[in-house]
Amino acid sequence: MFDVTMGNYDGAEVCELVGLYILNKLCNKYNRKISIGLYRVDVLALLKRIGPRSADKIHKEFSAIFENFGLKITALANLKNCELFSHNFRYF
């Protein structure tokens, strides 16, 4: 293991590589059932035509995947809109 501190010269590149690795794991697991976007420390997933119970199950699976990497996340499920980067996204 190695440590890359905040503000380090290569910190942004390492963050992007780790994010892409996690994004790859998520995309492989759900195989196009979910649209997933990643920007630095924010992840946004859009579930299409999935009921509340299935969405809650996927929510728990997401948390487990991140815990396998030693990361803790705050995840919200069954939302109709969200605010990300001062933009309001609505899903109908």
PDB file of N, CA and C in Angstrom:
ATOM      1  N   MET A   1       0.831  -1.177   0.000  1.00  0.00           N
ATOM      2  CA  MET A   1       0.000   0.000   0.000  1.00  0.00           C
ATOM      3  C   MET A   1       0.876   1.241   0.000  1.00  0.00           C
ATOM      4  N   PHE A   2       0.297   2.321  -0.445  1.00  0.00           N
ATOM      5  CA  PHE A   2       0.986   3.597  -0.438  1.00  0.00           C
ATOM      6  C   PHE A   2       0.007   4.680  -0.026  1.00  0.00           C
ATOM      7  N   ASP A   3       0.543   5.800   0.342  1.00  0.00           N
ATOM      8  CA  ASP A   3      -0.274   6.889   0.848  1.00  0.00           C
ATOM      9  C   ASP A   3      -0.098   8.112  -0.038  1.00  0.00           C
ATOM     10  N   VAL A   4      -1.185   8.645  -0.521  1.00  0.00           N
ATOM     11  CA  VAL A   4      -1.162   9.879  -1.304  1.00  0.00           C
ATOM     12  C   VAL A   4      -1.984  10.894  -0.517  1.00  0.00           C
ATOM     13  N   THR A   5      -1.339  11.900  -0.019  1.00  0.00           N
ATOM     14  CA  THR A   5      -2.022  12.882   0.814  1.00  0.00           C
ATOM     15  C   THR A   5      -2.769  13.907  -0.035  1.00  0.00           C
ATOM     16  N   MET A   6      -3.698  14.599   0.609  1.00  0.00           N
ATOM     17  CA  MET A   6      -4.427  15.657  -0.090  1.00  0.00           C
ATOM     18  C   MET A   6      -3.454  16.763  -0.477  1.00  0.00           C
ATOM     19  N   GLY A   7      -3.596  17.267  -1.670  1.00  0.00           N
ATOM     20  CA  GLY A   7      -2.723  18.332  -2.141  1.00  0.00           C
ATOM     21  C   GLY A   7      -1.418  17.823  -2.718  1.00  0.00           C
ATOM     22  N   ASN A   8      -1.231  16.507  -2.707  1.00  0.00           N
ATOM     23  CA  ASN A   8      -0.030  15.920  -3.276  1.00  0.00           C
ATOM     24  C   ASN A   8       0.001  16.169  -4.785  1.00  0.00           C
ATOM     25  N   TYR A   9       1.189  16.159  -5.344  1.00  0.00           N
ATOM     26  CA  TYR A   9       1.362  16.441  -6.776  1.00  0.00           C
ATOM     27  C   TYR A   9       0.546  15.478  -7.644  1.00  0.00           C
ATOM     28  N   ASP A  10       0.533  14.199  -7.278  1.00  0.00           N
ATOM     29  CA  ASP A  10      -0.178  13.201  -8.077  1.00  0.00           C
ATOM     30  C   ASP A  10      -1.549  12.854  -7.509  1.00  0.00           C
ATOM     31  N   GLY A  11      -2.036  13.607  -6.556  1.00  0.00           N
ATOM     32  CA  GLY A  11      -3.282  13.279  -5.872  1.00  0.00           C
ATOM     33  C   GLY A  11      -4.480  13.187  -6.796  1.00  0.00           C
ATOM     34  N   ALA A  12      -4.641  14.121  -7.708  1.00  0.00           N
ATOM     35  CA  ALA A  12      -5.799  14.119  -8.609  1.00  0.00           C
ATOM     36  C   ALA A  12      -5.757  12.925  -9.555  1.00  0.00           C
ATOM     37  N   GLU A  13      -4.579  12.587 -10.049  1.00  0.00           N
ATOM     38  CA  GLU A  13      -4.454  11.454 -10.958  1.00  0.00           C
ATOM     39  C   GLU A  13      -4.765  10.139 -10.256  1.00  0.00           C
ATOM     40  N   VAL A  14      -4.282  10.007  -9.027  1.00  0.00           N
ATOM     41  CA  VAL A  14      -4.556   8.789  -8.261  1.00  0.00           C
ATOM     42  C   VAL A  14      -6.048   8.697  -7.959  1.00  0.00           C
ATOM     43  N   CYS A  15      -6.671   9.816  -7.623  1.00  0.00           N
ATOM     44  CA  CYS A  15      -8.103   9.852  -7.359  1.00  0.00           C
ATOM     45  C   CYS A  15      -8.889   9.398  -8.591  1.00  0.00           C
ATOM     46  N   GLU A  16      -8.502   9.854  -9.761  1.00  0.00           N
ATOM     47  CA  GLU A  16      -9.179   9.470 -10.995  1.00  0.00           C
ATOM     48  C   GLU A  16      -8.997   7.981 -11.290  1.00  0.00           C
ATOM     49  N   LEU A  17      -7.794   7.461 -11.079  1.00  0.00           N
ATOM     50  CA  LEU A  17      -7.544   6.040 -11.326  1.00  0.00           C
ATOM     51  C   LEU A  17      -8.348   5.148 -10.386  1.00  0.00           C
ATOM     52  N   VAL A  18      -8.375   5.505  -9.117  1.00  0.00           N
ATOM     53  CA  VAL A  18      -9.160   4.732  -8.152  1.00  0.00           C
ATOM     54  C   VAL A  18     -10.641   4.825  -8.488  1.00  0.00           C
ATOM     55  N   GLY A  19     -11.109   6.014  -8.849  1.00  0.00           N
ATOM     56  CA  GLY A  19     -12.506   6.193  -9.234  1.00  0.00           C
ATOM     57  C   GLY A  19     -12.879   5.373 -10.452  1.00  0.00           C
ATOM     58  N   LEU A  20     -12.005   5.332 -11.439  1.00  0.00           N
ATOM     59  CA  LEU A  20     -12.270   4.529 -12.634  1.00  0.00           C
ATOM     60  C   LEU A  20     -12.298   3.039 -12.320  1.00  0.00           C
ATOM     61  N   TYR A  21     -11.431   2.606 -11.408  1.00  0.00           N
ATOM     62  CA  TYR A  21     -11.422   1.203 -11.001  1.00  0.00           C
ATOM     63  C   TYR A  21     -12.739   0.835 -10.321  1.00  0.00           C
ATOM     64  N   ILE A  22     -13.204   1.680  -9.402  1.00  0.00           N
ATOM     65  CA  ILE A  22     -14.469   1.415  -8.715  1.00  0.00           C
ATOM     66  C   ILE A  22     -15.632   1.488  -9.695  1.00  0.00           C
ATOM     67  N   LEU A  23     -15.607   2.458 -10.599  1.00  0.00           N
ATOM     68  CA  LEU A  23     -16.653   2.581 -11.616  1.00  0.00           C
ATOM     69  C   LEU A  23     -16.698   1.335 -12.496  1.00  0.00           C
ATOM     70  N   ASN A  24     -15.537   0.794 -12.845  1.00  0.00           N
ATOM     71  CA  ASN A  24     -15.467  -0.430 -13.638  1.00  0.00           C
ATOM     72  C   ASN A  24     -16.096  -1.602 -12.884  1.00  0.00           C
ATOM     73  N   LYS A  25     -15.811  -1.718 -11.596  1.00  0.00           N
ATOM     74  CA  LYS A  25     -16.401  -2.787 -10.783  1.00  0.00           C
ATOM     75  C   LYS A  25     -17.924  -2.662 -10.744  1.00  0.00           C
ATOM     76  N   LEU A  26     -18.422  -1.441 -10.571  1.00  0.00           N
ATOM     77  CA  LEU A  26     -19.867  -1.228 -10.522  1.00  0.00           C
ATOM     78  C   LEU A  26     -20.529  -1.545 -11.860  1.00  0.00           C
ATOM     79  N   CYS A  27     -19.921  -1.081 -12.944  1.00  0.00           N
ATOM     80  CA  CYS A  27     -20.492  -1.316 -14.273  1.00  0.00           C
ATOM     81  C   CYS A  27     -20.486  -2.798 -14.637  1.00  0.00           C
ATOM     82  N   ASN A  28     -19.423  -3.512 -14.263  1.00  0.00           N
ATOM     83  CA  ASN A  28     -19.368  -4.943 -14.542  1.00  0.00           C
ATOM     84  C   ASN A  28     -20.427  -5.710 -13.757  1.00  0.00           C
ATOM     85  N   LYS A  29     -20.683  -5.290 -12.543  1.00  0.00           N
ATOM     86  CA  LYS A  29     -21.665  -5.985 -11.707  1.00  0.00           C
ATOM     87  C   LYS A  29     -23.081  -5.794 -12.228  1.00  0.00           C
ATOM     88  N   TYR A  30     -23.421  -4.587 -12.664  1.00  0.00           N
ATOM     89  CA  TYR A  30     -24.794  -4.299 -13.048  1.00  0.00           C
ATOM     90  C   TYR A  30     -25.034  -4.315 -14.544  1.00  0.00           C
ATOM     91  N   ASN A  31     -24.024  -4.441 -15.342  1.00  0.00           N
ATOM     92  CA  ASN A  31     -24.129  -4.699 -16.780  1.00  0.00           C
ATOM     93  C   ASN A  31     -25.239  -3.916 -17.484  1.00  0.00           C
ATOM     94  N   ARG A  32     -25.129  -2.612 -17.442  1.00  0.00           N
ATOM     95  CA  ARG A  32     -26.018  -1.688 -18.162  1.00  0.00           C
ATOM     96  C   ARG A  32     -27.433  -1.588 -17.609  1.00  0.00           C
ATOM     97  N   LYS A  33     -27.697  -2.133 -16.442  1.00  0.00           N
ATOM     98  CA  LYS A  33     -29.010  -1.945 -15.826  1.00  0.00           C
ATOM     99  C   LYS A  33     -29.085  -0.563 -15.186  1.00  0.00           C
ATOM    100  N   ILE A  34     -27.918   0.004 -14.922  1.00  0.00           N
ATOM    101  CA  ILE A  34     -27.838   1.277 -14.218  1.00  0.00           C
ATOM    102  C   ILE A  34     -26.901   2.205 -14.982  1.00  0.00           C
ATOM    103  N   SER A  35     -27.282   3.474 -15.094  1.00  0.00           N
ATOM    104  CA  SER A  35     -26.378   4.486 -15.644  1.00  0.00           C
ATOM    105  C   SER A  35     -25.621   5.104 -14.471  1.00  0.00           C
ATOM    106  N   ILE A  36     -24.290   5.035 -14.515  1.00  0.00           N
ATOM    107  CA  ILE A  36     -23.470   5.507 -13.407  1.00  0.00           C
ATOM    108  C   ILE A  36     -22.514   6.574 -13.904  1.00  0.00           C
ATOM    109  N   GLY A  37     -22.435   7.674 -13.166  1.00  0.00           N
ATOM    110  CA  GLY A  37     -21.488   8.740 -13.468  1.00  0.00           C
ATOM    111  C   GLY A  37     -20.612   9.008 -12.259  1.00  0.00           C
ATOM    112  N   LEU A  38     -19.389   9.403 -12.507  1.00  0.00           N
ATOM    113  CA  LEU A  38     -18.426   9.636 -11.428  1.00  0.00           C
ATOM    114  C   LEU A  38     -17.651  10.913 -11.719  1.00  0.00           C
ATOM    115  N   TYR A  39     -17.562  11.786 -10.724  1.00  0.00           N
ATOM    116  CA  TYR A  39     -16.729  12.975 -10.814  1.00  0.00           C
ATOM    117  C   TYR A  39     -16.061  13.191  -9.472  1.00  0.00           C
ATOM    118  N   ARG A  40     -14.771  12.988  -9.423  1.00  0.00           N
ATOM    119  CA  ARG A  40     -13.964  13.085  -8.209  1.00  0.00           C
ATOM    120  C   ARG A  40     -14.539  12.241  -7.092  1.00  0.00           C
ATOM    121  N   VAL A  41     -15.193  12.834  -6.110  1.00  0.00           N
ATOM    122  CA  VAL A  41     -15.696  12.047  -4.979  1.00  0.00           C
ATOM    123  C   VAL A  41     -17.203  11.846  -5.033  1.00  0.00           C
ATOM    124  N   ASP A  42     -17.858  12.249  -6.113  1.00  0.00           N
ATOM    125  CA  ASP A  42     -19.301  12.130  -6.231  1.00  0.00           C
ATOM    126  C   ASP A  42     -19.669  11.079  -7.266  1.00  0.00           C
ATOM    127  N   VAL A  43     -20.606  10.229  -6.905  1.00  0.00           N
ATOM    128  CA  VAL A  43     -21.117   9.199  -7.810  1.00  0.00           C
ATOM    129  C   VAL A  43     -22.620   9.388  -7.910  1.00  0.00           C
ATOM    130  N   LEU A  44     -23.135   9.341  -9.129  1.00  0.00           N
ATOM    131  CA  LEU A  44     -24.565   9.450  -9.354  1.00  0.00           C
ATOM    132  C   LEU A  44     -24.993   8.241 -10.178  1.00  0.00           C
ATOM    133  N   ALA A  45     -25.969   7.495  -9.683  1.00  0.00           N
ATOM    134  CA  ALA A  45     -26.473   6.314 -10.387  1.00  0.00           C
ATOM    135  C   ALA A  45     -27.956   6.490 -10.672  1.00  0.00           C
ATOM    136  N   LEU A  46     -28.356   6.179 -11.888  1.00  0.00           N
ATOM    137  CA  LEU A  46     -29.746   6.292 -12.307  1.00  0.00           C
ATOM    138  C   LEU A  46     -30.274   4.896 -12.595  1.00  0.00           C
ATOM    139  N   LEU A  47     -31.304   4.522 -11.865  1.00  0.00           N
ATOM    140  CA  LEU A  47     -31.922   3.212 -12.029  1.00  0.00           C
ATOM    141  C   LEU A  47     -33.202   3.391 -12.837  1.00  0.00           C
ATOM    142  N   LYS A  48     -33.300   2.704 -13.946  1.00  0.00           N
ATOM    143  CA  LYS A  48     -34.478   2.831 -14.799  1.00  0.00           C
ATOM    144  C   LYS A  48     -35.384   1.621 -14.629  1.00  0.00           C
ATOM    145  N   ARG A  49     -36.653   1.912 -14.466  1.00  0.00           N
ATOM    146  CA  ARG A  49     -37.687   0.886 -14.369  1.00  0.00           C
ATOM    147  C   ARG A  49     -37.383  -0.164 -13.301  1.00  0.00           C
ATOM    148  N   ILE A  50     -36.970   0.303 -12.156  1.00  0.00           N
ATOM    149  CA  ILE A  50     -36.682  -0.583 -11.032  1.00  0.00           C
ATOM    150  C   ILE A  50     -37.559  -0.131  -9.869  1.00  0.00           C
ATOM    151  N   GLY A  51     -38.214  -1.084  -9.235  1.00  0.00           N
ATOM    152  CA  GLY A  51     -39.096  -0.776  -8.118  1.00  0.00           C
ATOM    153  C   GLY A  51     -38.332  -0.365  -6.871  1.00  0.00           C
ATOM    154  N   PRO A  52     -39.040   0.175  -5.898  1.00  0.00           N
ATOM    155  CA  PRO A  52     -38.398   0.635  -4.663  1.00  0.00           C
ATOM    156  C   PRO A  52     -37.652  -0.460  -3.907  1.00  0.00           C
ATOM    157  N   ARG A  53     -38.191  -1.678  -3.887  1.00  0.00           N
ATOM    158  CA  ARG A  53     -37.509  -2.763  -3.173  1.00  0.00           C
ATOM    159  C   ARG A  53     -36.207  -3.139  -3.856  1.00  0.00           C
ATOM    160  N   SER A  54     -36.221  -3.216  -5.190  1.00  0.00           N
ATOM    161  CA  SER A  54     -34.994  -3.529  -5.933  1.00  0.00           C
ATOM    162  C   SER A  54     -33.972  -2.410  -5.787  1.00  0.00           C
ATOM    163  N   ALA A  55     -34.451  -1.178  -5.795  1.00  0.00           N
ATOM    164  CA  ALA A  55     -33.544  -0.034  -5.632  1.00  0.00           C
ATOM    165  C   ALA A  55     -32.885  -0.060  -4.258  1.00  0.00           C
ATOM    166  N   ASP A  56     -33.645  -0.429  -3.242  1.00  0.00           N
ATOM    167  CA  ASP A  56     -33.080  -0.513  -1.899  1.00  0.00           C
ATOM    168  C   ASP A  56     -32.042  -1.632  -1.812  1.00  0.00           C
ATOM    169  N   LYS A  57     -32.304  -2.748  -2.489  1.00  0.00           N
ATOM    170  CA  LYS A  57     -31.342  -3.856  -2.519  1.00  0.00           C
ATOM    171  C   LYS A  57     -30.044  -3.418  -3.201  1.00  0.00           C
ATOM    172  N   ILE A  58     -30.156  -2.715  -4.324  1.00  0.00           N
ATOM    173  CA  ILE A  58     -28.974  -2.226  -5.034  1.00  0.00           C
ATOM    174  C   ILE A  58     -28.245  -1.197  -4.178  1.00  0.00           C
ATOM    175  N   HIS A  59     -28.990  -0.383  -3.449  1.00  0.00           N
ATOM    176  CA  HIS A  59     -28.405   0.596  -2.534  1.00  0.00           C
ATOM    177  C   HIS A  59     -27.505  -0.107  -1.517  1.00  0.00           C
ATOM    178  N   LYS A  60     -27.973  -1.201  -0.943  1.00  0.00           N
ATOM    179  CA  LYS A  60     -27.183  -1.963   0.029  1.00  0.00           C
ATOM    180  C   LYS A  60     -25.971  -2.616  -0.635  1.00  0.00           C
ATOM    181  N   GLU A  61     -26.135  -3.086  -1.877  1.00  0.00           N
ATOM    182  CA  GLU A  61     -25.013  -3.688  -2.604  1.00  0.00           C
ATOM    183  C   GLU A  61     -23.932  -2.649  -2.904  1.00  0.00           C
ATOM    184  N   PHE A  62     -24.356  -1.436  -3.275  1.00  0.00           N
ATOM    185  CA  PHE A  62     -23.398  -0.350  -3.505  1.00  0.00           C
ATOM    186  C   PHE A  62     -22.573  -0.100  -2.248  1.00  0.00           C
ATOM    187  N   SER A  63     -23.260  -0.017  -1.111  1.00  0.00           N
ATOM    188  CA  SER A  63     -22.558   0.223   0.154  1.00  0.00           C
ATOM    189  C   SER A  63     -21.563  -0.892   0.439  1.00  0.00           C
ATOM    190  N   ALA A  64     -21.951  -2.133   0.171  1.00  0.00           N
ATOM    191  CA  ALA A  64     -21.055  -3.266   0.404  1.00  0.00           C
ATOM    192  C   ALA A  64     -19.834  -3.218  -0.511  1.00  0.00           C
ATOM    193  N   ILE A  65     -20.030  -2.826  -1.761  1.00  0.00           N
ATOM    194  CA  ILE A  65     -18.903  -2.734  -2.705  1.00  0.00           C
ATOM    195  C   ILE A  65     -17.898  -1.695  -2.221  1.00  0.00           C
ATOM    196  N   PHE A  66     -18.390  -0.550  -1.799  1.00  0.00           N
ATOM    197  CA  PHE A  66     -17.478   0.489  -1.309  1.00  0.00           C
ATOM    198  C   PHE A  66     -16.806   0.080  -0.010  1.00  0.00           C
ATOM    199  N   GLU A  67     -17.515  -0.650   0.849  1.00  0.00           N
ATOM    200  CA  GLU A  67     -16.911  -1.132   2.085  1.00  0.00           C
ATOM    201  C   GLU A  67     -15.795  -2.135   1.806  1.00  0.00           C
ATOM    202  N   ASN A  68     -15.918  -2.920   0.725  1.00  0.00           N
ATOM    203  CA  ASN A  68     -14.857  -3.850   0.338  1.00  0.00           C
ATOM    204  C   ASN A  68     -13.563  -3.117   0.001  1.00  0.00           C
ATOM    205  N   PHE A  69     -13.676  -1.881  -0.442  1.00  0.00           N
ATOM    206  CA  PHE A  69     -12.506  -1.060  -0.752  1.00  0.00           C
ATOM    207  C   PHE A  69     -12.047  -0.244   0.456  1.00  0.00           C
ATOM    208  N   GLY A  70     -12.713  -0.413   1.585  1.00  0.00           N
ATOM    209  CA  GLY A  70     -12.358   0.330   2.791  1.00  0.00           C
ATOM    210  C   GLY A  70     -12.887   1.751   2.787  1.00  0.00           C
ATOM    211  N   LEU A  71     -13.943   1.996   2.023  1.00  0.00           N
ATOM    212  CA  LEU A  71     -14.531   3.329   1.913  1.00  0.00           C
ATOM    213  C   LEU A  71     -15.921   3.340   2.516  1.00  0.00           C
ATOM    214  N   LYS A  72     -16.303   4.447   3.066  1.00  0.00           N
ATOM    215  CA  LYS A  72     -17.652   4.631   3.581  1.00  0.00           C
ATOM    216  C   LYS A  72     -18.363   5.629   2.679  1.00  0.00           C
ATOM    217  N   ILE A  73     -19.625   5.342   2.370  1.00  0.00           N
ATOM    218  CA  ILE A  73     -20.371   6.241   1.499  1.00  0.00           C
ATOM    219  C   ILE A  73     -21.673   6.643   2.160  1.00  0.00           C
ATOM    220  N   THR A  74     -22.208   7.748   1.699  1.00  0.00           N
ATOM    221  CA  THR A  74     -23.552   8.167   2.042  1.00  0.00           C
ATOM    222  C   THR A  74     -24.385   7.961   0.786  1.00  0.00           C
ATOM    223  N   ALA A  75     -25.338   7.066   0.862  1.00  0.00           N
ATOM    224  CA  ALA A  75     -26.140   6.739  -0.311  1.00  0.00           C
ATOM    225  C   ALA A  75     -27.608   6.984  -0.009  1.00  0.00           C
ATOM    226  N   LEU A  76     -28.299   7.539  -0.975  1.00  0.00           N
ATOM    227  CA  LEU A  76     -29.732   7.793  -0.865  1.00  0.00           C
ATOM    228  C   LEU A  76     -30.424   7.063  -2.000  1.00  0.00           C
ATOM    229  N   ALA A  77     -31.516   6.397  -1.695  1.00  0.00           N
ATOM    230  CA  ALA A  77     -32.238   5.638  -2.717  1.00  0.00           C
ATOM    231  C   ALA A  77     -33.656   6.161  -2.861  1.00  0.00           C
ATOM    232  N   ASN A  78     -34.268   5.830  -3.985  1.00  0.00           N
ATOM    233  CA  ASN A  78     -35.665   6.153  -4.286  1.00  0.00           C
ATOM    234  C   ASN A  78     -35.937   7.654  -4.322  1.00  0.00           C
ATOM    235  N   LEU A  79     -35.031   8.404  -4.913  1.00  0.00           N
ATOM    236  CA  LEU A  79     -35.219   9.844  -5.075  1.00  0.00           C
ATOM    237  C   LEU A  79     -35.739  10.141  -6.473  1.00  0.00           C
ATOM    238  N   LYS A  80     -36.540  11.160  -6.597  1.00  0.00           N
ATOM    239  CA  LYS A  80     -37.026  11.599  -7.911  1.00  0.00           C
ATOM    240  C   LYS A  80     -36.184  12.741  -8.467  1.00  0.00           C
ATOM    241  N   ASN A  81     -35.456  13.434  -7.605  1.00  0.00           N
ATOM    242  CA  ASN A  81     -34.552  14.486  -8.063  1.00  0.00           C
ATOM    243  C   ASN A  81     -33.386  14.595  -7.092  1.00  0.00           C
ATOM    244  N   CYS A  82     -32.286  15.166  -7.573  1.00  0.00           N
ATOM    245  CA  CYS A  82     -31.127  15.370  -6.709  1.00  0.00           C
ATOM    246  C   CYS A  82     -30.388  16.622  -7.155  1.00  0.00           C
ATOM    247  N   GLU A  83     -29.628  17.186  -6.253  1.00  0.00           N
ATOM    248  CA  GLU A  83     -28.827  18.364  -6.567  1.00  0.00           C
ATOM    249  C   GLU A  83     -27.369  17.966  -6.539  1.00  0.00           C
ATOM    250  N   LEU A  84     -26.682  18.230  -7.627  1.00  0.00           N
ATOM    251  CA  LEU A  84     -25.275  17.872  -7.764  1.00  0.00           C
ATOM    252  C   LEU A  84     -24.573  18.998  -8.508  1.00  0.00           C
ATOM    253  N   PHE A  85     -23.538  19.559  -7.916  1.00  0.00           N
ATOM    254  CA  PHE A  85     -22.773  20.659  -8.512  1.00  0.00           C
ATOM    255  C   PHE A  85     -23.656  21.858  -8.834  1.00  0.00           C
ATOM    256  N   SER A  86     -24.547  22.203  -7.928  1.00  0.00           N
ATOM    257  CA  SER A  86     -25.463  23.338  -8.063  1.00  0.00           C
ATOM    258  C   SER A  86     -26.435  23.175  -9.229  1.00  0.00           C
ATOM    259  N   HIS A  87     -26.653  21.950  -9.684  1.00  0.00           N
ATOM    260  CA  HIS A  87     -27.644  21.667 -10.721  1.00  0.00           C
ATOM    261  C   HIS A  87     -28.663  20.702 -10.140  1.00  0.00           C
ATOM    262  N   ASN A  88     -29.906  20.920 -10.491  1.00  0.00           N
ATOM    263  CA  ASN A  88     -30.975  20.055 -10.018  1.00  0.00           C
ATOM    264  C   ASN A  88     -31.336  19.094 -11.121  1.00  0.00           C
ATOM    265  N   PHE A  89     -31.175  17.788 -10.851  1.00  0.00           N
ATOM    266  CA  PHE A  89     -31.515  16.748 -11.807  1.00  0.00           C
ATOM    267  C   PHE A  89     -32.841  16.135 -11.392  1.00  0.00           C
ATOM    268  N   ARG A  90     -33.776  16.057 -12.334  1.00  0.00           N
ATOM    269  CA  ARG A  90     -35.089  15.476 -12.062  1.00  0.00           C
ATOM    270  C   ARG A  90     -35.295  14.277 -12.965  1.00  0.00           C
ATOM    271  N   TYR A  91     -35.842  13.243 -12.370  1.00  0.00           N
ATOM    272  CA  TYR A  91     -36.151  12.031 -13.124  1.00  0.00           C
ATOM    273  C   TYR A  91     -37.637  11.757 -12.999  1.00  0.00           C
ATOM    274  N   PHE A  92     -38.299  11.644 -14.113  1.00  0.00           N
ATOM    275  CA  PHE A  92     -39.753  11.409 -14.101  1.00  0.00           C
ATOM    276  C   PHE A  92     -40.058  10.028 -14.607  1.00  0.00           C
TER     277      PHE A  92
END
